[in-house]
Amino acid sequence: MKATISKQCMGDRNCNTLCPDVFEYDEDQLLSVVKAGVIPTHLEAVVKQAANECGANAINIEE
């Protein structure tokens, strides 16, 4: 599974709080970014949760 974050990101950092192993906040761009190319299997559920809870629908998941 892979995740990407679109330019729709509002920078509320919810994904960073839920899964800091995958998401980090870019202070220069004022939005979250994905740190991992391929999401480790044990983190897939929490990444899906972050995508579902994203207010801007900015997290895209590719299975």
Protein backbone atom coordinates (compact mmCIF):
# COMPACT_ATOMS: atom_id res chain seq x y z
CA MET A 1 0.00 0.00 0.00
CA LYS A 2 1.15 3.55 -0.77
CA ALA A 3 -0.15 6.88 0.48
CA THR A 4 0.15 10.36 -0.94
CA ILE A 5 -1.03 13.74 0.28
CA SER A 6 -2.53 16.20 -2.17
CA LYS A 7 -2.22 19.97 -2.17
CA GLN A 8 -5.66 20.04 -0.50
CA CYS A 9 -3.91 19.39 2.82
CA MET A 10 -5.01 21.94 5.42
CA GLY A 11 -2.08 21.22 7.71
CA ASP A 12 -4.14 20.26 10.76
CA ARG A 13 -1.57 17.54 11.55
CA ASN A 14 -4.11 14.89 12.54
CA CYS A 15 -2.33 12.32 10.38
CA ASN A 16 0.98 13.23 12.02
CA THR A 17 -0.54 12.61 15.43
CA LEU A 18 -2.15 9.30 14.41
CA CYS A 19 0.86 7.85 12.61
CA PRO A 20 4.14 9.74 13.03
CA ASP A 21 6.02 6.78 11.53
CA VAL A 22 4.43 7.52 8.15
CA PHE A 23 3.44 11.21 8.18
CA GLU A 24 5.44 14.29 9.07
CA TYR A 25 4.75 18.02 8.91
CA ASP A 26 6.73 20.16 6.51
CA GLU A 27 7.18 23.53 8.23
CA ASP A 28 8.26 25.20 4.97
CA GLN A 29 5.25 24.09 2.94
CA LEU A 30 2.82 24.13 5.89
CA LEU A 31 1.40 20.71 5.05
CA SER A 32 1.90 17.08 5.89
CA VAL A 33 4.02 14.76 3.79
CA VAL A 34 4.44 10.99 3.58
CA LYS A 35 7.81 9.74 4.83
CA ALA A 36 7.48 6.15 3.59
CA GLY A 37 7.30 5.00 -0.02
CA VAL A 38 5.51 1.77 0.83
CA ILE A 39 3.46 1.63 4.02
CA PRO A 40 4.55 -1.21 6.33
CA THR A 41 1.78 -3.78 6.74
CA HIS A 42 1.48 -3.22 10.49
CA LEU A 43 0.70 0.49 9.90
CA GLU A 44 -1.87 0.09 7.11
CA ALA A 45 -4.92 0.27 9.40
CA VAL A 46 -3.85 3.49 11.08
CA VAL A 47 -2.96 5.08 7.72
CA LYS A 48 -6.45 4.20 6.46
CA GLN A 49 -7.87 5.74 9.63
CA ALA A 50 -5.88 8.93 9.00
CA ALA A 51 -7.24 9.06 5.43
CA ASN A 52 -10.81 8.59 6.66
CA GLU A 53 -10.41 11.30 9.31
CA CYS A 54 -8.71 13.82 7.02
CA GLY A 55 -11.02 16.84 6.89
CA ALA A 56 -9.66 17.93 3.51
CA ASN A 57 -9.74 14.43 2.00
CA ALA A 58 -6.11 15.04 1.11
CA ILE A 59 -4.73 11.55 1.86
CA ASN A 60 -4.92 9.20 -1.09
CA ILE A 61 -4.32 5.47 -0.68
CA GLU A 62 -3.21 3.11 -3.43
CA GLU A 63 -3.59 -0.55 -2.54
